[in-house]
């Protein structure tokens, strides 16, 4: 073979290799662009303003089987918490659990008179029904108190809870309550 033919063959091979590399790089770039494309999520139904405002609050009730205080997550409209969130969650406690395995700790007829935030301590004033049976069943009363305390301590701006009965301190509730060491 002559030198000229060898040069043509080498040039032709180089040309084919370069064209192949260019085509391969173009395909790879196109694949990367397709992989980086963000697909827009379209929900099956439109999310309403009310659904968009939903938030979770944690309330504490007594487990029927174990007798321990356990949390219950409640999905509520955040709009309900704007005016007085502490009063609202205490009223949820008074209404009781939505779970049949959990028992309400607050006796029927209990009324929340007032909530007052003083720095990081909140004062909760109930009517006399809250303290009903506090001497006869101290464990039940302790669960009642800590269901309120644990629920309110879920708020980041509260570090202690003081409970009053009709604006007065009673012996069983003379101290401020903080998080338990379980």
Protein backbone atom coordinates (compact mmCIF):
# COMPACT_ATOMS: atom_id res chain seq x y z
CA UNK A 1 0.00 0.00 0.00
CA UNK A 2 1.15 3.46 -0.75
CA UNK A 3 1.75 6.13 1.80
CA UNK A 4 -1.05 8.21 0.36
CA UNK A 5 -3.63 5.47 0.92
CA UNK A 6 -2.43 4.95 4.48
CA UNK A 7 -2.76 8.69 5.21
CA UNK A 8 -6.31 8.71 3.73
CA UNK A 9 -7.30 5.69 5.80
CA UNK A 10 -5.85 7.22 9.00
CA UNK A 11 -7.59 10.56 8.28
CA UNK A 12 -10.85 8.72 7.54
CA UNK A 13 -10.57 6.72 10.79
CA UNK A 14 -9.82 9.92 12.76
CA UNK A 15 -12.78 11.65 11.13
CA UNK A 16 -15.12 8.76 11.99
CA UNK A 17 -13.81 8.69 15.59
CA UNK A 18 -14.23 12.46 15.99
CA UNK A 19 -17.75 12.38 14.53
CA UNK A 20 -18.60 9.47 16.84
CA UNK A 21 -17.26 11.35 19.87
CA UNK A 22 -19.22 14.49 18.91
CA UNK A 23 -22.45 12.52 18.47
CA UNK A 24 -21.90 10.62 21.75
CA UNK A 25 -21.22 13.87 23.68
CA UNK A 26 -24.33 15.50 22.22
CA UNK A 27 -26.51 12.57 23.26
CA UNK A 28 -25.00 12.60 26.79
CA UNK A 29 -25.62 16.34 27.17
CA UNK A 30 -29.21 15.92 26.02
CA UNK A 31 -29.74 13.06 28.53
CA UNK A 32 -28.32 15.20 31.37
CA UNK A 33 -30.61 18.10 30.44
CA UNK A 34 -33.63 15.79 30.49
CA UNK A 35 -32.56 14.38 33.89
CA UNK A 36 -32.22 17.90 35.34
CA UNK A 37 -35.63 19.00 34.15
CA UNK A 38 -37.94 19.55 37.12
CA UNK A 39 -41.38 18.16 36.59
CA UNK A 40 -44.18 20.25 38.01
CA UNK A 41 -46.41 18.39 40.47
CA UNK A 42 -50.06 18.84 39.70
CA UNK A 43 -52.33 17.65 42.54
CA UNK A 44 -55.40 15.64 41.71
CA UNK A 45 -57.50 18.26 43.44
CA UNK A 46 -56.86 21.85 44.37
CA UNK A 47 -55.72 22.44 47.97
CA UNK A 48 -58.17 24.72 49.74
CA UNK A 49 -57.16 27.64 51.96
CA UNK A 50 -58.49 25.73 54.96
CA UNK A 51 -56.36 22.67 54.16
CA UNK A 52 -53.35 24.91 53.71
CA UNK A 53 -53.84 26.39 57.21
CA UNK A 54 -54.01 23.04 59.03
CA UNK A 55 -51.54 22.50 61.87
CA UNK A 56 -51.00 19.84 64.50
CA UNK A 57 -51.30 20.44 68.24
CA UNK A 58 -50.40 17.87 70.86
CA UNK A 59 -52.83 17.19 73.69
CA UNK A 60 -52.22 14.78 76.57
CA UNK A 61 -54.72 12.22 77.82
CA UNK A 62 -54.57 9.01 79.87
CA UNK A 63 -54.22 5.68 78.10
CA UNK A 64 -57.12 3.42 79.18
CA UNK A 65 -54.91 0.32 79.38
CA UNK A 66 -51.68 1.59 80.91
CA UNK A 67 -52.94 4.56 82.93
CA UNK A 68 -50.05 6.66 81.60
CA UNK A 69 -50.32 10.09 80.06
CA UNK A 70 -49.81 9.88 76.31
CA UNK A 71 -49.92 12.44 73.50
CA UNK A 72 -52.71 12.77 70.98
CA UNK A 73 -51.99 14.75 67.82
CA UNK A 74 -54.92 16.90 66.78
CA UNK A 75 -55.10 18.40 63.29
CA UNK A 76 -56.75 21.83 63.54
CA UNK A 77 -57.12 25.02 61.55
CA UNK A 78 -54.29 27.37 62.61
CA UNK A 79 -56.77 30.24 62.31
CA UNK A 80 -58.41 28.93 65.52
CA UNK A 81 -55.15 29.52 67.43
CA UNK A 82 -54.63 33.15 66.48
CA UNK A 83 -56.55 34.90 69.25
CA UNK A 84 -55.72 32.81 72.35
CA UNK A 85 -53.95 29.54 71.55
CA UNK A 86 -53.58 28.51 75.21
CA UNK A 87 -57.27 28.85 75.90
CA UNK A 88 -58.10 26.93 72.72
CA UNK A 89 -55.91 23.91 73.53
CA UNK A 90 -57.20 23.78 77.13
CA UNK A 91 -60.76 23.78 75.78
CA UNK A 92 -59.76 20.89 73.48
CA UNK A 93 -58.57 19.05 76.62
CA UNK A 94 -61.87 19.76 78.37
CA UNK A 95 -63.79 18.43 75.34
CA UNK A 96 -61.81 15.19 75.57
CA UNK A 97 -59.93 12.84 73.31
CA UNK A 98 -61.00 11.81 69.84
CA UNK A 99 -59.36 8.41 70.42
CA UNK A 100 -61.51 5.80 72.16
CA UNK A 101 -58.37 4.27 73.75
CA UNK A 102 -57.66 7.50 75.61
CA UNK A 103 -59.52 8.79 78.64
CA UNK A 104 -60.31 12.41 79.38
CA UNK A 105 -58.49 13.63 82.50
CA UNK A 106 -60.58 16.73 83.13
CA UNK A 107 -63.93 16.17 84.90
CA UNK A 108 -67.23 17.13 83.30
CA UNK A 109 -68.43 20.57 84.24
CA UNK A 110 -64.91 22.01 84.38
CA UNK A 111 -64.80 25.53 82.97
CA UNK A 112 -61.72 27.51 82.03
CA UNK A 113 -62.11 30.93 83.66
CA UNK A 114 -58.94 32.65 82.47
CA UNK A 115 -55.49 32.17 80.97
CA UNK A 116 -52.76 34.72 81.69
CA UNK A 117 -49.22 34.64 80.31
CA UNK A 118 -46.64 36.23 82.66
CA UNK A 119 -43.27 36.01 80.94
CA UNK A 120 -42.65 32.29 80.41
CA UNK A 121 -45.18 31.19 83.06
CA UNK A 122 -48.83 30.75 82.26
CA UNK A 123 -51.57 30.91 84.88
CA UNK A 124 -54.60 28.77 84.17
CA UNK A 125 -57.71 29.45 86.25
CA UNK A 126 -60.39 26.72 86.35
CA UNK A 127 -63.65 26.48 88.24
CA UNK A 128 -63.93 24.19 91.29
CA UNK A 129 -64.75 21.09 89.20
CA UNK A 130 -61.11 20.83 88.15
CA UNK A 131 -60.05 20.07 91.75
CA UNK A 132 -62.91 17.59 92.31
CA UNK A 133 -61.67 14.30 93.87
CA UNK A 134 -58.11 15.62 94.32
CA UNK A 135 -57.90 14.14 97.86
CA UNK A 136 -59.70 10.84 97.16
CA UNK A 137 -57.65 9.85 94.11
CA UNK A 138 -54.24 11.61 94.08
CA UNK A 139 -52.94 9.62 91.07
CA UNK A 140 -55.93 10.61 88.93
CA UNK A 141 -55.52 14.22 90.04
CA UNK A 142 -51.80 14.13 89.18
CA UNK A 143 -52.68 12.85 85.68
CA UNK A 144 -55.24 15.65 85.34
CA UNK A 145 -52.69 18.30 86.28
CA UNK A 146 -49.96 16.92 84.03
CA UNK A 147 -52.28 16.53 81.06
CA UNK A 148 -52.74 20.31 81.27
CA UNK A 149 -49.08 21.02 82.04
CA UNK A 150 -47.66 18.77 79.30
CA UNK A 151 -50.11 20.18 76.75
CA UNK A 152 -49.18 23.79 77.56
CA UNK A 153 -45.43 23.08 77.66
CA UNK A 154 -45.68 22.10 73.98
CA UNK A 155 -45.68 25.86 73.34
CA UNK A 156 -42.10 27.12 73.02
CA UNK A 157 -42.80 30.35 74.91
CA UNK A 158 -43.99 28.56 78.07
CA UNK A 159 -41.63 27.00 80.63
CA UNK A 160 -43.94 26.65 83.65
CA UNK A 161 -47.65 26.39 84.45
CA UNK A 162 -49.52 27.65 87.54
CA UNK A 163 -53.03 26.33 88.08
CA UNK A 164 -55.61 28.30 90.08
CA UNK A 165 -59.13 27.38 91.16
CA UNK A 166 -61.54 30.33 90.89
CA UNK A 167 -58.59 32.73 91.10
CA UNK A 168 -57.17 31.13 94.28
CA UNK A 169 -54.27 28.81 94.96
CA UNK A 170 -55.19 25.57 96.67
CA UNK A 171 -52.78 23.39 98.64
CA UNK A 172 -52.62 20.63 95.99
CA UNK A 173 -51.70 23.20 93.32
CA UNK A 174 -49.49 25.60 95.29
CA UNK A 175 -46.39 25.14 93.10
CA UNK A 176 -45.72 25.98 89.48
CA UNK A 177 -45.37 22.92 87.30
CA UNK A 178 -42.61 22.28 84.79
CA UNK A 179 -41.62 19.41 82.51
CA UNK A 180 -41.38 16.09 84.34
CA UNK A 181 -38.24 13.96 84.28
CA UNK A 182 -40.36 10.86 83.58
